């Protein structure tokens, strides 16, 4: 059994890879999603990441499809107490923003779709600087006091707003963010390192990075002269044109060969070795993509290997 990691200052214990639910109801239908969820749980996984807006961008969808699929899976498997469900508020077409009224209405809608009476980790998906942090934290605190949310977290927020939020929670004795979901990977370090990472380290926040594999680039499937089809291929392929992208791939290839694991496993292991990071997020559209992701739980890089990747990605 893989050892679980404590999520920041919370009482949540999570698998070192969070399974991204953005593909459920988008590139994975319900049957495929159930198969991926089953395989993840069988590997010891317990940390599911979704959002109320997944996947509203797909024609014919209205948002919440991912939550609905996860809710149906949890009900079918009877395993609600065995999984940590994280979802987010602010981007659903019908529940835009972070006003107090919207946060509460969106949470109730998420609970209905998930078929549960509580959300384990509730993120503000994109910060809305026009809403005072006092209003946001106040509403989230009410959800915690009502037992609808166990812990709160933030994603896509500036260091300044995050610091204000934490200070307000401390001063008023209200629910406090325990985790941060930043955009962070080997070819996008500036999106987290520096002010935000320093703040997380100083305040005991757990980082749960998204785009951990740079939309698939860090799986190693994008190579010069190879054509990759897929919903995210254009975005991921552009990293091949940069010196950093090529250096990172070369280092990943060598280290993956030494450990006899896929390239994706090493990219995730580098993230998992970074200060503050508890569990990177990665998604699998089909079961075959999952083993490379969950193996991060078994791989520990040497200091020299971490350093080599850090230098290659500088």
C-alpha atoms as a PDB file:
ATOM      1  CA  UNK A   1       0.000   0.000   0.000  1.00  0.00           C
ATOM      2  CA  UNK A   2       1.412   3.341  -1.037  1.00  0.00           C
ATOM      3  CA  UNK A   3       1.951   5.750   1.801  1.00  0.00           C
ATOM      4  CA  UNK A   4      -0.436   8.675   1.570  1.00  0.00           C
ATOM      5  CA  UNK A   5       0.742  12.247   2.044  1.00  0.00           C
ATOM      6  CA  UNK A   6      -0.768  14.733   4.458  1.00  0.00           C
ATOM      7  CA  UNK A   7      -2.293  17.685   2.614  1.00  0.00           C
ATOM      8  CA  UNK A   8      -0.790  20.784   4.200  1.00  0.00           C
ATOM      9  CA  UNK A   9      -2.236  21.578   7.623  1.00  0.00           C
ATOM     10  CA  UNK A  10      -5.464  19.652   6.929  1.00  0.00           C
ATOM     11  CA  UNK A  11      -6.460  16.203   8.167  1.00  0.00           C
ATOM     12  CA  UNK A  12      -6.725  14.930   4.584  1.00  0.00           C
ATOM     13  CA  UNK A  13      -4.342  12.188   3.494  1.00  0.00           C
ATOM     14  CA  UNK A  14      -3.911  11.859  -0.242  1.00  0.00           C
ATOM     15  CA  UNK A  15      -2.226   9.670  -2.836  1.00  0.00           C
ATOM     16  CA  UNK A  16       0.848  11.411  -4.345  1.00  0.00           C
ATOM     17  CA  UNK A  17      -0.911  11.721  -7.716  1.00  0.00           C
ATOM     18  CA  UNK A  18      -4.240  13.532  -7.981  1.00  0.00           C
ATOM     19  CA  UNK A  19      -6.375  12.220 -10.842  1.00  0.00           C
ATOM     20  CA  UNK A  20      -7.574  15.071 -13.058  1.00  0.00           C
ATOM     21  CA  UNK A  21     -11.264  14.928 -13.910  1.00  0.00           C
ATOM     22  CA  UNK A  22     -11.133  17.485 -16.735  1.00  0.00           C
ATOM     23  CA  UNK A  23     -11.352  14.716 -19.367  1.00  0.00           C
ATOM     24  CA  UNK A  24     -14.472  13.095 -17.905  1.00  0.00           C
ATOM     25  CA  UNK A  25     -17.388  14.064 -20.129  1.00  0.00           C
ATOM     26  CA  UNK A  26     -14.974  15.571 -22.663  1.00  0.00           C
ATOM     27  CA  UNK A  27     -12.483  13.162 -24.284  1.00  0.00           C
ATOM     28  CA  UNK A  28     -13.567  10.263 -22.041  1.00  0.00           C
ATOM     29  CA  UNK A  29     -17.208   9.162 -21.989  1.00  0.00           C
ATOM     30  CA  UNK A  30     -18.815   7.733 -18.857  1.00  0.00           C
ATOM     31  CA  UNK A  31     -17.725   4.121 -19.465  1.00  0.00           C
ATOM     32  CA  UNK A  32     -14.115   5.149 -20.166  1.00  0.00           C
ATOM     33  CA  UNK A  33     -14.163   7.453 -17.131  1.00  0.00           C
ATOM     34  CA  UNK A  34     -15.405   4.652 -14.861  1.00  0.00           C
ATOM     35  CA  UNK A  35     -12.642   2.356 -16.164  1.00  0.00           C
ATOM     36  CA  UNK A  36      -9.968   4.994 -15.450  1.00  0.00           C
ATOM     37  CA  UNK A  37     -11.399   5.709 -11.989  1.00  0.00           C
ATOM     38  CA  UNK A  38     -11.494   1.988 -11.176  1.00  0.00           C
ATOM     39  CA  UNK A  39      -7.875   1.511 -12.266  1.00  0.00           C
ATOM     40  CA  UNK A  40      -6.747   4.560 -10.276  1.00  0.00           C
ATOM     41  CA  UNK A  41      -8.496   3.304  -7.132  1.00  0.00           C
ATOM     42  CA  UNK A  42      -7.031  -0.182  -7.662  1.00  0.00           C
ATOM     43  CA  UNK A  43      -3.541   1.401  -7.719  1.00  0.00           C
ATOM     44  CA  UNK A  44      -4.202   2.977  -4.312  1.00  0.00           C
ATOM     45  CA  UNK A  45      -5.342   6.347  -5.653  1.00  0.00           C
ATOM     46  CA  UNK A  46      -7.839   8.361  -3.615  1.00  0.00           C
ATOM     47  CA  UNK A  47      -7.513  12.035  -4.673  1.00  0.00           C
ATOM     48  CA  UNK A  48      -9.929  13.201  -7.400  1.00  0.00           C
ATOM     49  CA  UNK A  49      -9.720  16.691  -8.885  1.00  0.00           C
ATOM     50  CA  UNK A  50     -12.616  18.241 -10.764  1.00  0.00           C
ATOM     51  CA  UNK A  51     -14.443  21.573 -11.162  1.00  0.00           C
ATOM     52  CA  UNK A  52     -18.046  22.647 -11.602  1.00  0.00           C
ATOM     53  CA  UNK A  53     -17.190  24.028 -15.056  1.00  0.00           C
ATOM     54  CA  UNK A  54     -15.767  20.757 -16.478  1.00  0.00           C
ATOM     55  CA  UNK A  55     -16.555  20.392 -19.336  1.00  0.00           C
ATOM     56  CA  UNK A  56     -18.716  23.337 -20.326  1.00  0.00           C
ATOM     57  CA  UNK A  57     -16.476  24.113 -23.337  1.00  0.00           C
ATOM     58  CA  UNK A  58     -17.644  21.007 -25.204  1.00  0.00           C
ATOM     59  CA  UNK A  59     -20.503  21.514 -27.656  1.00  0.00           C
ATOM     60  CA  UNK A  60     -23.718  20.203 -26.134  1.00  0.00           C
ATOM     61  CA  UNK A  61     -22.364  20.310 -22.570  1.00  0.00           C
ATOM     62  CA  UNK A  62     -23.560  22.768 -19.935  1.00  0.00           C
ATOM     63  CA  UNK A  63     -20.859  22.302 -17.247  1.00  0.00           C
ATOM     64  CA  UNK A  64     -20.753  19.856 -14.361  1.00  0.00           C
ATOM     65  CA  UNK A  65     -20.446  16.744 -16.533  1.00  0.00           C
ATOM     66  CA  UNK A  66     -17.243  15.669 -14.790  1.00  0.00           C
ATOM     67  CA  UNK A  67     -18.777  16.031 -11.312  1.00  0.00           C
ATOM     68  CA  UNK A  68     -21.829  14.055 -12.431  1.00  0.00           C
ATOM     69  CA  UNK A  69     -19.685  11.177 -13.711  1.00  0.00           C
ATOM     70  CA  UNK A  70     -17.599  11.106 -10.523  1.00  0.00           C
ATOM     71  CA  UNK A  71     -20.800  11.174  -8.450  1.00  0.00           C
ATOM     72  CA  UNK A  72     -22.265   8.243 -10.355  1.00  0.00           C
ATOM     73  CA  UNK A  73     -19.021   6.285 -10.017  1.00  0.00           C
ATOM     74  CA  UNK A  74     -18.814   6.890  -6.254  1.00  0.00           C
ATOM     75  CA  UNK A  75     -22.449   5.829  -5.849  1.00  0.00           C
ATOM     76  CA  UNK A  76     -21.956   2.702  -7.980  1.00  0.00           C
ATOM     77  CA  UNK A  77     -18.820   1.684  -6.053  1.00  0.00           C
ATOM     78  CA  UNK A  78     -20.096   2.733  -2.598  1.00  0.00           C
ATOM     79  CA  UNK A  79     -16.683   4.215  -1.797  1.00  0.00           C
ATOM     80  CA  UNK A  80     -17.415   7.823  -0.750  1.00  0.00           C
ATOM     81  CA  UNK A  81     -15.430   7.498   2.482  1.00  0.00           C
ATOM     82  CA  UNK A  82     -12.393   6.171   0.613  1.00  0.00           C
ATOM     83  CA  UNK A  83     -11.956   9.109  -1.778  1.00  0.00           C
ATOM     84  CA  UNK A  84     -10.954  12.743  -1.345  1.00  0.00           C
ATOM     85  CA  UNK A  85     -12.997  14.834  -3.774  1.00  0.00           C
ATOM     86  CA  UNK A  86     -11.727  18.275  -4.751  1.00  0.00           C
ATOM     87  CA  UNK A  87     -13.868  20.584  -6.872  1.00  0.00           C
ATOM     88  CA  UNK A  88     -13.871  24.286  -7.729  1.00  0.00           C
ATOM     89  CA  UNK A  89     -16.110  27.335  -7.986  1.00  0.00           C
ATOM     90  CA  UNK A  90     -16.213  30.501 -10.178  1.00  0.00           C
ATOM     91  CA  UNK A  91     -16.282  29.301 -13.800  1.00  0.00           C
ATOM     92  CA  UNK A  92     -19.555  27.373 -14.283  1.00  0.00           C
ATOM     93  CA  UNK A  93     -21.656  29.148 -16.957  1.00  0.00           C
ATOM     94  CA  UNK A  94     -24.571  29.495 -14.502  1.00  0.00           C
ATOM     95  CA  UNK A  95     -22.432  30.184 -11.428  1.00  0.00           C
ATOM     96  CA  UNK A  96     -19.857  32.736 -12.500  1.00  0.00           C
ATOM     97  CA  UNK A  97     -17.709  34.561  -9.991  1.00  0.00           C
ATOM     98  CA  UNK A  98     -16.962  34.537  -6.279  1.00  0.00           C
ATOM     99  CA  UNK A  99     -19.695  36.583  -4.634  1.00  0.00           C
ATOM    100  CA  UNK A 100     -20.914  35.027  -1.399  1.00  0.00           C
ATOM    101  CA  UNK A 101     -24.301  34.159  -2.915  1.00  0.00           C
ATOM    102  CA  UNK A 102     -22.694  32.519  -5.948  1.00  0.00           C
ATOM    103  CA  UNK A 103     -20.205  30.476  -3.909  1.00  0.00           C
ATOM    104  CA  UNK A 104     -23.035  29.016  -1.801  1.00  0.00           C
ATOM    105  CA  UNK A 105     -25.346  28.327  -4.763  1.00  0.00           C
ATOM    106  CA  UNK A 106     -22.511  26.746  -6.778  1.00  0.00           C
ATOM    107  CA  UNK A 107     -21.513  24.528  -3.846  1.00  0.00           C
ATOM    108  CA  UNK A 108     -25.066  23.212  -3.516  1.00  0.00           C
ATOM    109  CA  UNK A 109     -25.151  22.485  -7.265  1.00  0.00           C
ATOM    110  CA  UNK A 110     -21.811  20.653  -7.032  1.00  0.00           C
ATOM    111  CA  UNK A 111     -23.023  18.604  -4.062  1.00  0.00           C
ATOM    112  CA  UNK A 112     -26.108  17.544  -6.038  1.00  0.00           C
ATOM    113  CA  UNK A 113     -24.067  16.485  -9.055  1.00  0.00           C
ATOM    114  CA  UNK A 114     -21.518  14.660  -6.909  1.00  0.00           C
ATOM    115  CA  UNK A 115     -24.325  12.943  -5.001  1.00  0.00           C
ATOM    116  CA  UNK A 116     -22.674  13.653  -1.665  1.00  0.00           C
ATOM    117  CA  UNK A 117     -23.276  15.772   1.429  1.00  0.00           C
ATOM    118  CA  UNK A 118     -19.754  17.189   1.593  1.00  0.00           C
ATOM    119  CA  UNK A 119     -16.867  18.323  -0.602  1.00  0.00           C
ATOM    120  CA  UNK A 120     -13.465  17.419   0.871  1.00  0.00           C
ATOM    121  CA  UNK A 121     -11.505  20.263  -0.734  1.00  0.00           C
ATOM    122  CA  UNK A 122     -13.223  23.293  -2.282  1.00  0.00           C
ATOM    123  CA  UNK A 123     -11.132  25.608  -4.452  1.00  0.00           C
ATOM    124  CA  UNK A 124     -11.774  29.093  -5.727  1.00  0.00           C
ATOM    125  CA  UNK A 125     -11.036  28.233  -9.369  1.00  0.00           C
ATOM    126  CA  UNK A 126      -9.973  31.675 -10.623  1.00  0.00           C
ATOM    127  CA  UNK A 127      -9.653  34.532  -8.195  1.00  0.00           C
ATOM    128  CA  UNK A 128     -11.920  37.523  -8.846  1.00  0.00           C
ATOM    129  CA  UNK A 129     -10.005  40.579  -7.558  1.00  0.00           C
ATOM    130  CA  UNK A 130     -13.147  42.730  -7.728  1.00  0.00           C
ATOM    131  CA  UNK A 131     -14.635  40.681  -4.847  1.00  0.00           C
ATOM    132  CA  UNK A 132     -13.134  41.477  -1.415  1.00  0.00           C
ATOM    133  CA  UNK A 133     -11.290  38.535   0.144  1.00  0.00           C
ATOM    134  CA  UNK A 134     -13.439  39.086   3.251  1.00  0.00           C
ATOM    135  CA  UNK A 135     -16.571  38.197   1.267  1.00  0.00           C
ATOM    136  CA  UNK A 136     -14.976  35.118  -0.319  1.00  0.00           C
ATOM    137  CA  UNK A 137     -13.522  33.722   2.907  1.00  0.00           C
ATOM    138  CA  UNK A 138     -16.720  34.550   4.801  1.00  0.00           C
ATOM    139  CA  UNK A 139     -18.826  32.512   2.367  1.00  0.00           C
ATOM    140  CA  UNK A 140     -16.365  29.598   2.347  1.00  0.00           C
ATOM    141  CA  UNK A 141     -16.296  29.631   6.151  1.00  0.00           C
ATOM    142  CA  UNK A 142     -20.099  29.342   6.218  1.00  0.00           C
ATOM    143  CA  UNK A 143     -19.892  26.251   4.002  1.00  0.00           C
ATOM    144  CA  UNK A 144     -17.329  24.702   6.355  1.00  0.00           C
ATOM    145  CA  UNK A 145     -19.445  25.491   9.425  1.00  0.00           C
ATOM    146  CA  UNK A 146     -22.491  23.960   7.683  1.00  0.00           C
ATOM    147  CA  UNK A 147     -20.514  20.736   7.080  1.00  0.00           C
ATOM    148  CA  UNK A 148     -20.813  21.067   3.296  1.00  0.00           C
ATOM    149  CA  UNK A 149     -17.068  21.602   2.814  1.00  0.00           C
ATOM    150  CA  UNK A 150     -14.245  20.086   4.866  1.00  0.00           C
ATOM    151  CA  UNK A 151     -11.333  22.259   3.713  1.00  0.00           C
ATOM    152  CA  UNK A 152     -10.857  25.251   1.419  1.00  0.00           C
ATOM    153  CA  UNK A 153      -8.175  26.022  -1.137  1.00  0.00           C
ATOM    154  CA  UNK A 154      -7.273  28.475  -3.907  1.00  0.00           C
ATOM    155  CA  UNK A 155      -6.216  28.145  -7.535  1.00  0.00           C
ATOM    156  CA  UNK A 156      -5.039  30.815  -9.972  1.00  0.00           C
ATOM    157  CA  UNK A 157      -4.516  33.551  -7.396  1.00  0.00           C
ATOM    158  CA  UNK A 158      -1.833  36.207  -6.927  1.00  0.00           C
ATOM    159  CA  UNK A 159       0.540  36.055  -3.965  1.00  0.00           C
ATOM    160  CA  UNK A 160      -0.840  39.368  -2.753  1.00  0.00           C
ATOM    161  CA  UNK A 161      -4.486  38.221  -2.712  1.00  0.00           C
ATOM    162  CA  UNK A 162      -3.521  34.875  -1.205  1.00  0.00           C
ATOM    163  CA  UNK A 163      -1.618  36.575   1.595  1.00  0.00           C
ATOM    164  CA  UNK A 164      -4.582  38.884   2.286  1.00  0.00           C
ATOM    165  CA  UNK A 165      -6.942  35.901   2.405  1.00  0.00           C
ATOM    166  CA  UNK A 166      -4.741  33.985   4.853  1.00  0.00           C
ATOM    167  CA  UNK A 167      -4.311  37.054   7.071  1.00  0.00           C
ATOM    168  CA  UNK A 168      -8.077  37.640   7.186  1.00  0.00           C
ATOM    169  CA  UNK A 169      -8.763  33.983   8.109  1.00  0.00           C
ATOM    170  CA  UNK A 170      -6.176  34.143  10.900  1.00  0.00           C
ATOM    171  CA  UNK A 171      -7.395  37.465  12.235  1.00  0.00           C
ATOM    172  CA  UNK A 172     -11.077  36.501  12.291  1.00  0.00           C
ATOM    173  CA  UNK A 173     -10.613  32.845  13.231  1.00  0.00           C
ATOM    174  CA  UNK A 174     -12.321  31.664  10.020  1.00  0.00           C
ATOM    175  CA  UNK A 175     -11.658  28.734   7.697  1.00  0.00           C
ATOM    176  CA  UNK A 176      -8.210  29.059   6.143  1.00  0.00           C
ATOM    177  CA  UNK A 177      -6.863  27.873   2.819  1.00  0.00           C
ATOM    178  CA  UNK A 178      -4.887  24.631   3.229  1.00  0.00           C
ATOM    179  CA  UNK A 179      -3.834  24.145  -0.395  1.00  0.00           C
ATOM    180  CA  UNK A 180      -2.943  25.999  -3.556  1.00  0.00           C
ATOM    181  CA  UNK A 181      -3.375  24.755  -7.112  1.00  0.00           C
ATOM    182  CA  UNK A 182      -0.813  26.507  -9.316  1.00  0.00           C
ATOM    183  CA  UNK A 183       0.129  25.994 -12.966  1.00  0.00           C
ATOM    184  CA  UNK A 184       3.531  24.324 -12.561  1.00  0.00           C
ATOM    185  CA  UNK A 185       5.697  21.870 -14.484  1.00  0.00           C
ATOM    186  CA  UNK A 186       9.190  21.444 -15.927  1.00  0.00           C
ATOM    187  CA  UNK A 187       8.530  23.819 -18.822  1.00  0.00           C
ATOM    188  CA  UNK A 188       6.496  26.311 -16.780  1.00  0.00           C
ATOM    189  CA  UNK A 189       8.326  27.082 -13.564  1.00  0.00           C
ATOM    190  CA  UNK A 190       7.860  30.844 -13.461  1.00  0.00           C
ATOM    191  CA  UNK A 191       4.089  30.317 -13.032  1.00  0.00           C
ATOM    192  CA  UNK A 192       4.717  29.156  -9.450  1.00  0.00           C
ATOM    193  CA  UNK A 193       8.308  29.552  -8.302  1.00  0.00           C
ATOM    194  CA  UNK A 194       9.175  32.781  -6.518  1.00  0.00           C
ATOM    195  CA  UNK A 195       6.654  34.782  -4.530  1.00  0.00           C
ATOM    196  CA  UNK A 196       3.810  32.247  -4.625  1.00  0.00           C
ATOM    197  CA  UNK A 197       5.953  29.231  -3.744  1.00  0.00           C
ATOM    198  CA  UNK A 198       7.695  31.175  -0.964  1.00  0.00           C
ATOM    199  CA  UNK A 199       4.326  32.144   0.502  1.00  0.00           C
ATOM    200  CA  UNK A 200       3.076  28.541   0.353  1.00  0.00           C
ATOM    201  CA  UNK A 201       6.222  27.321   2.088  1.00  0.00           C
ATOM    202  CA  UNK A 202       6.023  29.996   4.770  1.00  0.00           C
ATOM    203  CA  UNK A 203       2.349  29.368   5.546  1.00  0.00           C
ATOM    204  CA  UNK A 204       2.254  25.577   5.274  1.00  0.00           C
ATOM    205  CA  UNK A 205       0.092  25.405   2.151  1.00  0.00           C
ATOM    206  CA  UNK A 206       0.175  22.219   0.088  1.00  0.00           C
ATOM    207  CA  UNK A 207       0.696  22.738  -3.638  1.00  0.00           C
ATOM    208  CA  UNK A 208      -1.305  20.543  -6.009  1.00  0.00           C
ATOM    209  CA  UNK A 209       0.009  21.604  -9.443  1.00  0.00           C
ATOM    210  CA  UNK A 210      -2.125  21.431 -12.584  1.00  0.00           C
ATOM    211  CA  UNK A 211      -0.777  21.065 -16.154  1.00  0.00           C
ATOM    212  CA  UNK A 212       1.791  18.834 -14.435  1.00  0.00           C
ATOM    213  CA  UNK A 213       2.623  17.221 -17.793  1.00  0.00           C
ATOM    214  CA  UNK A 214       2.285  20.403 -19.894  1.00  0.00           C
ATOM    215  CA  UNK A 215      -0.795  19.129 -21.763  1.00  0.00           C
ATOM    216  CA  UNK A 216       1.061  15.928 -22.642  1.00  0.00           C
ATOM    217  CA  UNK A 217       4.414  17.365 -23.753  1.00  0.00           C
ATOM    218  CA  UNK A 218       6.172  15.888 -20.704  1.00  0.00           C
ATOM    219  CA  UNK A 219       4.964  12.373 -21.538  1.00  0.00           C
ATOM    220  CA  UNK A 220       7.609  12.339 -24.272  1.00  0.00           C
ATOM    221  CA  UNK A 221       5.168  11.596 -27.083  1.00  0.00           C
ATOM    222  CA  UNK A 222       5.959  14.863 -28.869  1.00  0.00           C
ATOM    223  CA  UNK A 223       9.144  14.436 -30.906  1.00  0.00           C
ATOM    224  CA  UNK A 224      10.628  16.119 -33.963  1.00  0.00           C
ATOM    225  CA  UNK A 225       8.996  14.773 -37.089  1.00  0.00           C
ATOM    226  CA  UNK A 226       6.182  12.973 -35.270  1.00  0.00           C
ATOM    227  CA  UNK A 227       2.583  14.004 -35.735  1.00  0.00           C
ATOM    228  CA  UNK A 228       0.375  13.732 -32.651  1.00  0.00           C
ATOM    229  CA  UNK A 229      -3.398  13.985 -32.949  1.00  0.00           C
ATOM    230  CA  UNK A 230      -5.500  15.080 -30.010  1.00  0.00           C
ATOM    231  CA  UNK A 231      -7.460  17.828 -28.318  1.00  0.00           C
ATOM    232  CA  UNK A 232      -4.342  19.397 -26.794  1.00  0.00           C
ATOM    233  CA  UNK A 233      -1.667  18.545 -29.364  1.00  0.00           C
ATOM    234  CA  UNK A 234      -1.129  22.049 -30.747  1.00  0.00           C
ATOM    235  CA  UNK A 235      -0.422  23.571 -27.347  1.00  0.00           C
ATOM    236  CA  UNK A 236       1.867  20.802 -26.178  1.00  0.00           C
ATOM    237  CA  UNK A 237       3.839  20.571 -29.415  1.00  0.00           C
ATOM    238  CA  UNK A 238       5.088  24.173 -29.233  1.00  0.00           C
ATOM    239  CA  UNK A 239       7.544  23.248 -26.451  1.00  0.00           C
ATOM    240  CA  UNK A 240       9.560  21.241 -29.002  1.00  0.00           C
ATOM    241  CA  UNK A 241      10.492  24.512 -30.660  1.00  0.00           C
ATOM    242  CA  UNK A 242      12.230  25.828 -27.526  1.00  0.00           C
ATOM    243  CA  UNK A 243      15.698  25.004 -26.316  1.00  0.00           C
ATOM    244  CA  UNK A 244      14.315  24.448 -22.815  1.00  0.00           C
ATOM    245  CA  UNK A 245      11.766  21.934 -24.110  1.00  0.00           C
ATOM    246  CA  UNK A 246      14.433  19.930 -25.942  1.00  0.00           C
ATOM    247  CA  UNK A 247      16.859  19.978 -22.983  1.00  0.00           C
ATOM    248  CA  UNK A 248      14.140  18.842 -20.595  1.00  0.00           C
ATOM    249  CA  UNK A 249      13.175  15.943 -22.882  1.00  0.00           C
ATOM    250  CA  UNK A 250      16.796  14.812 -23.176  1.00  0.00           C
ATOM    251  CA  UNK A 251      17.235  14.811 -19.383  1.00  0.00           C
ATOM    252  CA  UNK A 252      13.893  13.048 -18.881  1.00  0.00           C
ATOM    253  CA  UNK A 253      14.856  10.354 -21.419  1.00  0.00           C
ATOM    254  CA  UNK A 254      18.116   9.552 -19.612  1.00  0.00           C
ATOM    255  CA  UNK A 255      16.606   9.456 -16.127  1.00  0.00           C
ATOM    256  CA  UNK A 256      13.543   7.470 -17.251  1.00  0.00           C
ATOM    257  CA  UNK A 257      15.855   4.893 -18.805  1.00  0.00           C
ATOM    258  CA  UNK A 258      17.877   4.637 -15.588  1.00  0.00           C
ATOM    259  CA  UNK A 259      14.713   4.012 -13.548  1.00  0.00           C
ATOM    260  CA  UNK A 260      13.085   1.895 -16.272  1.00  0.00           C
ATOM    261  CA  UNK A 261       9.887   3.916 -16.115  1.00  0.00           C
ATOM    262  CA  UNK A 262       8.046   6.115 -18.633  1.00  0.00           C
ATOM    263  CA  UNK A 263       9.121   9.730 -19.199  1.00  0.00           C
ATOM    264  CA  UNK A 264       5.850  11.006 -17.665  1.00  0.00           C
ATOM    265  CA  UNK A 265       6.652   9.274 -14.368  1.00  0.00           C
ATOM    266  CA  UNK A 266       9.949  11.166 -14.084  1.00  0.00           C
ATOM    267  CA  UNK A 267       8.347  14.525 -14.955  1.00  0.00           C
ATOM    268  CA  UNK A 268       5.826  13.969 -12.144  1.00  0.00           C
ATOM    269  CA  UNK A 269       8.541  12.730  -9.756  1.00  0.00           C
ATOM    270  CA  UNK A 270      10.474  15.992 -10.256  1.00  0.00           C
ATOM    271  CA  UNK A 271       7.349  17.938  -9.289  1.00  0.00           C
ATOM    272  CA  UNK A 272       6.697  15.683  -6.298  1.00  0.00           C
ATOM    273  CA  UNK A 273      10.256  16.402  -5.100  1.00  0.00           C
ATOM    274  CA  UNK A 274       9.732  20.187  -5.094  1.00  0.00           C
ATOM    275  CA  UNK A 275       9.187  22.121  -1.857  1.00  0.00           C
ATOM    276  CA  UNK A 276       5.477  22.428  -0.940  1.00  0.00           C
ATOM    277  CA  UNK A 277       4.234  19.973  -3.615  1.00  0.00           C
ATOM    278  CA  UNK A 278       2.022  17.240  -2.167  1.00  0.00           C
ATOM    279  CA  UNK A 279       0.479  15.725  -5.290  1.00  0.00           C
ATOM    280  CA  UNK A 280       0.702  16.789  -8.938  1.00  0.00           C
ATOM    281  CA  UNK A 281      -2.507  16.485 -10.985  1.00  0.00           C
ATOM    282  CA  UNK A 282      -2.581  14.490 -14.203  1.00  0.00           C
ATOM    283  CA  UNK A 283      -5.452  13.065 -16.194  1.00  0.00           C
ATOM    284  CA  UNK A 284      -5.865   9.865 -18.154  1.00  0.00           C
ATOM    285  CA  UNK A 285      -8.376   9.522 -20.988  1.00  0.00           C
ATOM    286  CA  UNK A 286      -7.922   5.737 -21.175  1.00  0.00           C
ATOM    287  CA  UNK A 287      -6.682   3.139 -18.699  1.00  0.00           C
ATOM    288  CA  UNK A 288      -3.475   2.547 -20.701  1.00  0.00           C
ATOM    289  CA  UNK A 289      -2.308   6.085 -19.835  1.00  0.00           C
ATOM    290  CA  UNK A 290      -2.674   5.563 -16.100  1.00  0.00           C
ATOM    291  CA  UNK A 291       0.287   3.305 -15.084  1.00  0.00           C
ATOM    292  CA  UNK A 292       2.862   5.962 -16.048  1.00  0.00           C
ATOM    293  CA  UNK A 293       1.063   8.450 -13.783  1.00  0.00           C
ATOM    294  CA  UNK A 294       0.506   6.356 -10.650  1.00  0.00           C
ATOM    295  CA  UNK A 295       4.087   5.052 -10.699  1.00  0.00           C
ATOM    296  CA  UNK A 296       5.159   8.438  -9.341  1.00  0.00           C
ATOM    297  CA  UNK A 297       4.194   6.920  -5.977  1.00  0.00           C
ATOM    298  CA  UNK A 298       7.030   4.385  -6.313  1.00  0.00           C
ATOM    299  CA  UNK A 299       9.801   6.533  -7.815  1.00  0.00           C
ATOM    300  CA  UNK A 300      12.134   8.708  -5.780  1.00  0.00           C
ATOM    301  CA  UNK A 301      14.698  10.703  -7.716  1.00  0.00           C
ATOM    302  CA  UNK A 302      18.235  11.178  -6.419  1.00  0.00           C
ATOM    303  CA  UNK A 303      19.386  14.697  -5.565  1.00  0.00           C
ATOM    304  CA  UNK A 304      21.579  14.642  -8.667  1.00  0.00           C
ATOM    305  CA  UNK A 305      18.627  13.676 -10.884  1.00  0.00           C
ATOM    306  CA  UNK A 306      16.430  16.429  -9.435  1.00  0.00           C
ATOM    307  CA  UNK A 307      19.276  18.894  -9.971  1.00  0.00           C
ATOM    308  CA  UNK A 308      19.819  17.791 -13.563  1.00  0.00           C
ATOM    309  CA  UNK A 309      16.149  18.349 -14.416  1.00  0.00           C
ATOM    310  CA  UNK A 310      16.131  21.673 -12.573  1.00  0.00           C
ATOM    311  CA  UNK A 311      19.128  22.842 -14.613  1.00  0.00           C
ATOM    312  CA  UNK A 312      17.709  21.556 -17.916  1.00  0.00           C
ATOM    313  CA  UNK A 313      14.462  23.408 -17.271  1.00  0.00           C
ATOM    314  CA  UNK A 314      16.033  26.688 -16.153  1.00  0.00           C
END
